[in-house]
Amino acid sequence: MTEDEMMNESESSSDDRLFAAMAYALSPLMPIIILIMPDKRDRAFIRSHNVQALIVGVLLWFIIVPLTFGCGSIGWLVLLYLAYEAYQGKTINIPLVSNFVKNQNWA
């Protein structure tokens, strides 16, 4: 476990983990709502998950599902798994998305 992961797990409250999980499960709507809430968007654990959830949700529901003619059930299961991992307090590393978010200094 890296130092960043240990810091995120120690700083995350149950409220933080709940909002991070909801960001994945209800993506892309919930991440937009969290961005409007200043007390939530400034929390490091929520911010790191929220931006990833927004990007994954937009990619999934507006690009992948239309191109695969509505096969969104697999994408929904992936989002639910990511929500479960976030609720457990884990740092999620999504290929390409996590690196992009870190390079942009969004999380």
N, C-alpha and C. Protein backbone atom coordinates (compact mmCIF):
# COMPACT_ATOMS: atom_id res chain seq x y z
N MET A 1 0.85 -1.17 0.00
CA MET A 1 0.00 0.00 0.00
C MET A 1 0.90 1.24 0.00
N THR A 2 0.60 2.17 -0.89
CA THR A 2 1.42 3.37 -0.98
C THR A 2 1.05 4.35 0.12
N GLU A 3 1.88 5.36 0.26
CA GLU A 3 1.64 6.37 1.29
C GLU A 3 0.36 7.16 1.01
N ASP A 4 0.08 7.44 -0.28
CA ASP A 4 -1.15 8.16 -0.64
C ASP A 4 -2.38 7.36 -0.27
N GLU A 5 -2.35 6.05 -0.52
CA GLU A 5 -3.49 5.21 -0.19
C GLU A 5 -3.71 5.16 1.31
N MET A 6 -2.63 5.08 2.09
CA MET A 6 -2.78 5.04 3.54
C MET A 6 -3.31 6.37 4.06
N MET A 7 -2.88 7.48 3.46
CA MET A 7 -3.35 8.79 3.87
C MET A 7 -4.84 8.94 3.54
N ASN A 8 -5.26 8.49 2.35
CA ASN A 8 -6.67 8.58 1.96
C ASN A 8 -7.54 7.75 2.89
N GLU A 9 -7.10 6.54 3.23
CA GLU A 9 -7.90 5.69 4.09
C GLU A 9 -8.02 6.25 5.49
N SER A 10 -6.94 6.87 6.01
CA SER A 10 -6.99 7.39 7.37
C SER A 10 -7.81 8.68 7.43
N GLU A 11 -7.85 9.46 6.34
CA GLU A 11 -8.57 10.72 6.34
C GLU A 11 -10.04 10.59 5.95
N SER A 12 -10.45 9.45 5.47
CA SER A 12 -11.82 9.32 4.98
C SER A 12 -12.76 8.91 6.10
N SER A 13 -13.81 9.69 6.24
CA SER A 13 -14.85 9.36 7.21
C SER A 13 -15.90 8.49 6.52
N SER A 14 -16.85 8.02 7.27
CA SER A 14 -17.91 7.21 6.66
C SER A 14 -18.73 8.05 5.70
N ASP A 15 -18.88 9.34 6.00
CA ASP A 15 -19.60 10.25 5.11
C ASP A 15 -18.83 10.41 3.79
N ASP A 16 -17.51 10.54 3.88
CA ASP A 16 -16.70 10.65 2.67
C ASP A 16 -16.82 9.40 1.81
N ARG A 17 -16.76 8.24 2.44
CA ARG A 17 -16.87 6.98 1.69
C ARG A 17 -18.24 6.83 1.05
N LEU A 18 -19.28 7.28 1.74
CA LEU A 18 -20.63 7.20 1.19
C LEU A 18 -20.77 8.10 -0.04
N PHE A 19 -20.27 9.32 0.03
CA PHE A 19 -20.37 10.22 -1.11
C PHE A 19 -19.53 9.73 -2.28
N ALA A 20 -18.36 9.15 -2.00
CA ALA A 20 -17.53 8.60 -3.07
C ALA A 20 -18.24 7.43 -3.75
N ALA A 21 -18.89 6.57 -2.97
CA ALA A 21 -19.63 5.45 -3.53
C ALA A 21 -20.81 5.94 -4.36
N MET A 22 -21.52 6.94 -3.86
CA MET A 22 -22.67 7.47 -4.60
C MET A 22 -22.23 8.13 -5.90
N ALA A 23 -21.03 8.69 -5.91
CA ALA A 23 -20.52 9.31 -7.14
C ALA A 23 -20.39 8.28 -8.25
N TYR A 24 -19.91 7.08 -7.91
CA TYR A 24 -19.79 6.02 -8.93
C TYR A 24 -21.16 5.44 -9.28
N ALA A 25 -21.96 5.13 -8.26
CA ALA A 25 -23.23 4.44 -8.50
C ALA A 25 -24.22 5.30 -9.28
N LEU A 26 -24.19 6.60 -9.06
CA LEU A 26 -25.15 7.49 -9.71
C LEU A 26 -24.47 8.43 -10.71
N SER A 27 -23.41 7.96 -11.31
CA SER A 27 -22.64 8.77 -12.25
C SER A 27 -23.37 8.90 -13.57
N PRO A 28 -23.32 10.00 -14.23
CA PRO A 28 -22.58 11.24 -14.03
C PRO A 28 -23.36 12.32 -13.28
N LEU A 29 -24.57 12.05 -12.83
CA LEU A 29 -25.36 13.08 -12.16
C LEU A 29 -24.81 13.43 -10.78
N MET A 30 -24.52 12.43 -9.96
CA MET A 30 -24.06 12.70 -8.59
C MET A 30 -22.72 13.43 -8.55
N PRO A 31 -21.74 13.10 -9.40
CA PRO A 31 -20.51 13.90 -9.36
C PRO A 31 -20.73 15.38 -9.65
N ILE A 32 -21.68 15.70 -10.50
CA ILE A 32 -21.99 17.11 -10.78
C ILE A 32 -22.59 17.77 -9.55
N ILE A 33 -23.47 17.06 -8.86
CA ILE A 33 -24.07 17.59 -7.63
C ILE A 33 -22.99 17.80 -6.57
N ILE A 34 -22.06 16.86 -6.45
CA ILE A 34 -20.98 16.99 -5.46
C ILE A 34 -20.10 18.19 -5.79
N LEU A 35 -19.87 18.47 -7.06
CA LEU A 35 -19.07 19.64 -7.45
C LEU A 35 -19.72 20.95 -7.02
N ILE A 36 -21.03 20.96 -6.88
CA ILE A 36 -21.75 22.16 -6.47
C ILE A 36 -21.67 22.36 -4.95
N MET A 37 -21.45 21.28 -4.20
CA MET A 37 -21.41 21.34 -2.74
C MET A 37 -19.97 21.64 -2.27
N PRO A 38 -19.67 22.86 -1.83
CA PRO A 38 -18.29 23.22 -1.50
C PRO A 38 -17.70 22.41 -0.34
N ASP A 39 -18.51 22.04 0.64
CA ASP A 39 -17.97 21.28 1.77
C ASP A 39 -17.59 19.86 1.37
N LYS A 40 -18.19 19.32 0.33
CA LYS A 40 -17.87 17.96 -0.13
C LYS A 40 -16.77 17.96 -1.18
N ARG A 41 -16.80 18.91 -2.09
CA ARG A 41 -15.82 18.89 -3.17
C ARG A 41 -14.41 19.19 -2.69
N ASP A 42 -14.25 19.80 -1.53
CA ASP A 42 -12.93 20.13 -1.01
C ASP A 42 -12.30 18.99 -0.21
N ARG A 43 -13.03 17.93 0.07
CA ARG A 43 -12.48 16.78 0.80
C ARG A 43 -11.65 15.95 -0.17
N ALA A 44 -10.43 15.63 0.21
CA ALA A 44 -9.47 14.96 -0.69
C ALA A 44 -9.98 13.59 -1.16
N PHE A 45 -10.54 12.81 -0.26
CA PHE A 45 -11.00 11.46 -0.63
C PHE A 45 -12.15 11.55 -1.62
N ILE A 46 -13.10 12.43 -1.35
CA ILE A 46 -14.25 12.58 -2.25
C ILE A 46 -13.80 13.15 -3.60
N ARG A 47 -12.90 14.12 -3.58
CA ARG A 47 -12.45 14.75 -4.82
C ARG A 47 -11.77 13.75 -5.75
N SER A 48 -10.92 12.88 -5.19
CA SER A 48 -10.20 11.92 -6.04
C SER A 48 -11.16 10.94 -6.69
N HIS A 49 -12.18 10.52 -5.97
CA HIS A 49 -13.16 9.59 -6.55
C HIS A 49 -14.16 10.30 -7.44
N ASN A 50 -14.54 11.52 -7.07
CA ASN A 50 -15.58 12.23 -7.79
C ASN A 50 -15.19 12.53 -9.24
N VAL A 51 -13.98 12.99 -9.44
CA VAL A 51 -13.55 13.33 -10.80
C VAL A 51 -13.46 12.07 -11.66
N GLN A 52 -12.93 10.99 -11.08
CA GLN A 52 -12.87 9.72 -11.83
C GLN A 52 -14.28 9.23 -12.17
N ALA A 53 -15.20 9.33 -11.22
CA ALA A 53 -16.57 8.88 -11.46
C ALA A 53 -17.24 9.69 -12.55
N LEU A 54 -16.98 10.99 -12.57
CA LEU A 54 -17.57 11.84 -13.60
C LEU A 54 -17.05 11.45 -14.98
N ILE A 55 -15.75 11.25 -15.11
CA ILE A 55 -15.18 10.89 -16.40
C ILE A 55 -15.66 9.52 -16.86
N VAL A 56 -15.65 8.55 -15.95
CA VAL A 56 -16.10 7.19 -16.31
C VAL A 56 -17.58 7.19 -16.66
N GLY A 57 -18.38 7.93 -15.91
CA GLY A 57 -19.81 8.00 -16.20
C GLY A 57 -20.11 8.61 -17.56
N VAL A 58 -19.44 9.70 -17.88
CA VAL A 58 -19.64 10.35 -19.18
C VAL A 58 -19.19 9.42 -20.30
N LEU A 59 -18.01 8.81 -20.15
CA LEU A 59 -17.54 7.88 -21.18
C LEU A 59 -18.50 6.71 -21.36
N LEU A 60 -18.96 6.18 -20.25
CA LEU A 60 -19.82 5.00 -20.31
C LEU A 60 -21.18 5.31 -20.93
N TRP A 61 -21.90 6.27 -20.34
CA TRP A 61 -23.29 6.50 -20.74
C TRP A 61 -23.44 7.29 -22.03
N PHE A 62 -22.46 8.12 -22.39
CA PHE A 62 -22.63 8.94 -23.58
C PHE A 62 -21.78 8.50 -24.77
N ILE A 63 -20.84 7.60 -24.56
CA ILE A 63 -20.01 7.13 -25.67
C ILE A 63 -20.09 5.61 -25.84
N ILE A 64 -19.81 4.86 -24.80
CA ILE A 64 -19.75 3.40 -24.93
C ILE A 64 -21.13 2.78 -25.13
N VAL A 65 -22.11 3.15 -24.33
CA VAL A 65 -23.44 2.55 -24.45
C VAL A 65 -24.07 2.84 -25.82
N PRO A 66 -24.05 4.08 -26.32
CA PRO A 66 -24.61 4.29 -27.67
C PRO A 66 -23.87 3.52 -28.76
N LEU A 67 -22.56 3.39 -28.63
CA LEU A 67 -21.81 2.67 -29.65
C LEU A 67 -22.03 1.16 -29.59
N THR A 68 -22.42 0.65 -28.44
CA THR A 68 -22.66 -0.80 -28.31
C THR A 68 -24.16 -1.10 -28.34
N PHE A 69 -24.95 -0.16 -28.81
CA PHE A 69 -26.40 -0.34 -28.98
C PHE A 69 -27.11 -0.68 -27.68
N GLY A 70 -26.74 0.01 -26.61
CA GLY A 70 -27.46 -0.10 -25.36
C GLY A 70 -27.01 -1.20 -24.42
N CYS A 71 -25.85 -1.75 -24.58
CA CYS A 71 -25.36 -2.80 -23.67
C CYS A 71 -24.75 -2.15 -22.43
N GLY A 72 -25.58 -1.47 -21.67
CA GLY A 72 -25.10 -0.74 -20.50
C GLY A 72 -25.12 -1.52 -19.22
N SER A 73 -25.68 -2.73 -19.23
CA SER A 73 -25.76 -3.49 -17.98
C SER A 73 -24.39 -3.88 -17.46
N ILE A 74 -23.46 -4.16 -18.35
CA ILE A 74 -22.10 -4.49 -17.92
C ILE A 74 -21.44 -3.24 -17.34
N GLY A 75 -21.66 -2.11 -17.96
CA GLY A 75 -21.12 -0.86 -17.44
C GLY A 75 -21.70 -0.51 -16.09
N TRP A 76 -22.99 -0.79 -15.89
CA TRP A 76 -23.64 -0.55 -14.61
C TRP A 76 -23.00 -1.42 -13.53
N LEU A 77 -22.70 -2.67 -13.85
CA LEU A 77 -22.05 -3.56 -12.88
C LEU A 77 -20.65 -3.07 -12.54
N VAL A 78 -19.94 -2.55 -13.51
CA VAL A 78 -18.61 -2.00 -13.25
C VAL A 78 -18.71 -0.80 -12.31
N LEU A 79 -19.68 0.08 -12.55
CA LEU A 79 -19.86 1.24 -11.69
C LEU A 79 -20.25 0.83 -10.27
N LEU A 80 -21.06 -0.21 -10.14
CA LEU A 80 -21.43 -0.69 -8.81
C LEU A 80 -20.24 -1.30 -8.09
N TYR A 81 -19.37 -1.99 -8.82
CA TYR A 81 -18.15 -2.53 -8.21
C TYR A 81 -17.23 -1.39 -7.74
N LEU A 82 -17.08 -0.37 -8.58
CA LEU A 82 -16.25 0.78 -8.18
C LEU A 82 -16.85 1.49 -6.97
N ALA A 83 -18.18 1.57 -6.91
CA ALA A 83 -18.84 2.17 -5.75
C ALA A 83 -18.56 1.36 -4.49
N TYR A 84 -18.60 0.04 -4.60
CA TYR A 84 -18.32 -0.82 -3.45
C TYR A 84 -16.88 -0.62 -2.97
N GLU A 85 -15.94 -0.56 -3.90
CA GLU A 85 -14.53 -0.37 -3.54
C GLU A 85 -14.33 1.00 -2.86
N ALA A 86 -14.99 2.03 -3.37
CA ALA A 86 -14.88 3.36 -2.77
C ALA A 86 -15.48 3.36 -1.37
N TYR A 87 -16.58 2.65 -1.19
CA TYR A 87 -17.22 2.60 0.13
C TYR A 87 -16.35 1.87 1.14
N GLN A 88 -15.52 0.96 0.66
CA GLN A 88 -14.58 0.27 1.55
C GLN A 88 -13.40 1.16 1.92
N GLY A 89 -13.29 2.34 1.33
CA GLY A 89 -12.23 3.28 1.64
C GLY A 89 -10.98 3.09 0.81
N LYS A 90 -11.08 2.35 -0.26
CA LYS A 90 -9.91 2.06 -1.10
C LYS A 90 -9.72 3.14 -2.16
N THR A 91 -8.46 3.31 -2.54
CA THR A 91 -8.14 4.19 -3.66
C THR A 91 -8.24 3.39 -4.94
N ILE A 92 -8.99 3.88 -5.89
CA ILE A 92 -9.23 3.14 -7.12
C ILE A 92 -8.33 3.69 -8.22
N ASN A 93 -7.67 2.78 -8.91
CA ASN A 93 -6.80 3.15 -10.02
C ASN A 93 -7.41 2.61 -11.31
N ILE A 94 -8.07 3.49 -12.05
CA ILE A 94 -8.70 3.13 -13.31
C ILE A 94 -7.70 3.44 -14.42
N PRO A 95 -7.34 2.44 -15.24
CA PRO A 95 -6.35 2.69 -16.30
C PRO A 95 -6.75 3.88 -17.17
N LEU A 96 -5.79 4.68 -17.51
CA LEU A 96 -5.92 5.90 -18.32
C LEU A 96 -6.64 7.03 -17.58
N VAL A 97 -7.75 6.76 -16.94
CA VAL A 97 -8.53 7.80 -16.29
C VAL A 97 -7.78 8.35 -15.07
N SER A 98 -7.26 7.47 -14.22
CA SER A 98 -6.56 7.91 -13.01
C SER A 98 -5.32 8.72 -13.35
N ASN A 99 -4.56 8.27 -14.34
CA ASN A 99 -3.38 9.03 -14.75
C ASN A 99 -3.75 10.39 -15.33
N PHE A 100 -4.81 10.44 -16.12
CA PHE A 100 -5.26 11.70 -16.70
C PHE A 100 -5.67 12.68 -15.60
N VAL A 101 -6.42 12.20 -14.61
CA VAL A 101 -6.88 13.05 -13.51
C VAL A 101 -5.68 13.58 -12.72
N LYS A 102 -4.71 12.72 -12.44
CA LYS A 102 -3.54 13.15 -11.68
C LYS A 102 -2.68 14.14 -12.48
N ASN A 103 -2.53 13.92 -13.77
CA ASN A 103 -1.75 14.83 -14.60
C ASN A 103 -2.39 16.21 -14.73
N GLN A 104 -3.71 16.27 -14.63
CA GLN A 104 -4.42 17.54 -14.70
C GLN A 104 -4.51 18.24 -13.34
N ASN A 105 -4.01 17.57 -12.28
CA ASN A 105 -4.08 18.08 -10.90
C ASN A 105 -5.51 18.29 -10.44
N TRP A 106 -6.40 17.43 -10.87
CA TRP A 106 -7.80 17.51 -10.46
C TRP A 106 -8.03 16.74 -9.17
N ALA A 107 -7.10 15.89 -8.81
CA ALA A 107 -7.27 15.11 -7.57
C ALA A 107 -5.96 15.02 -6.84
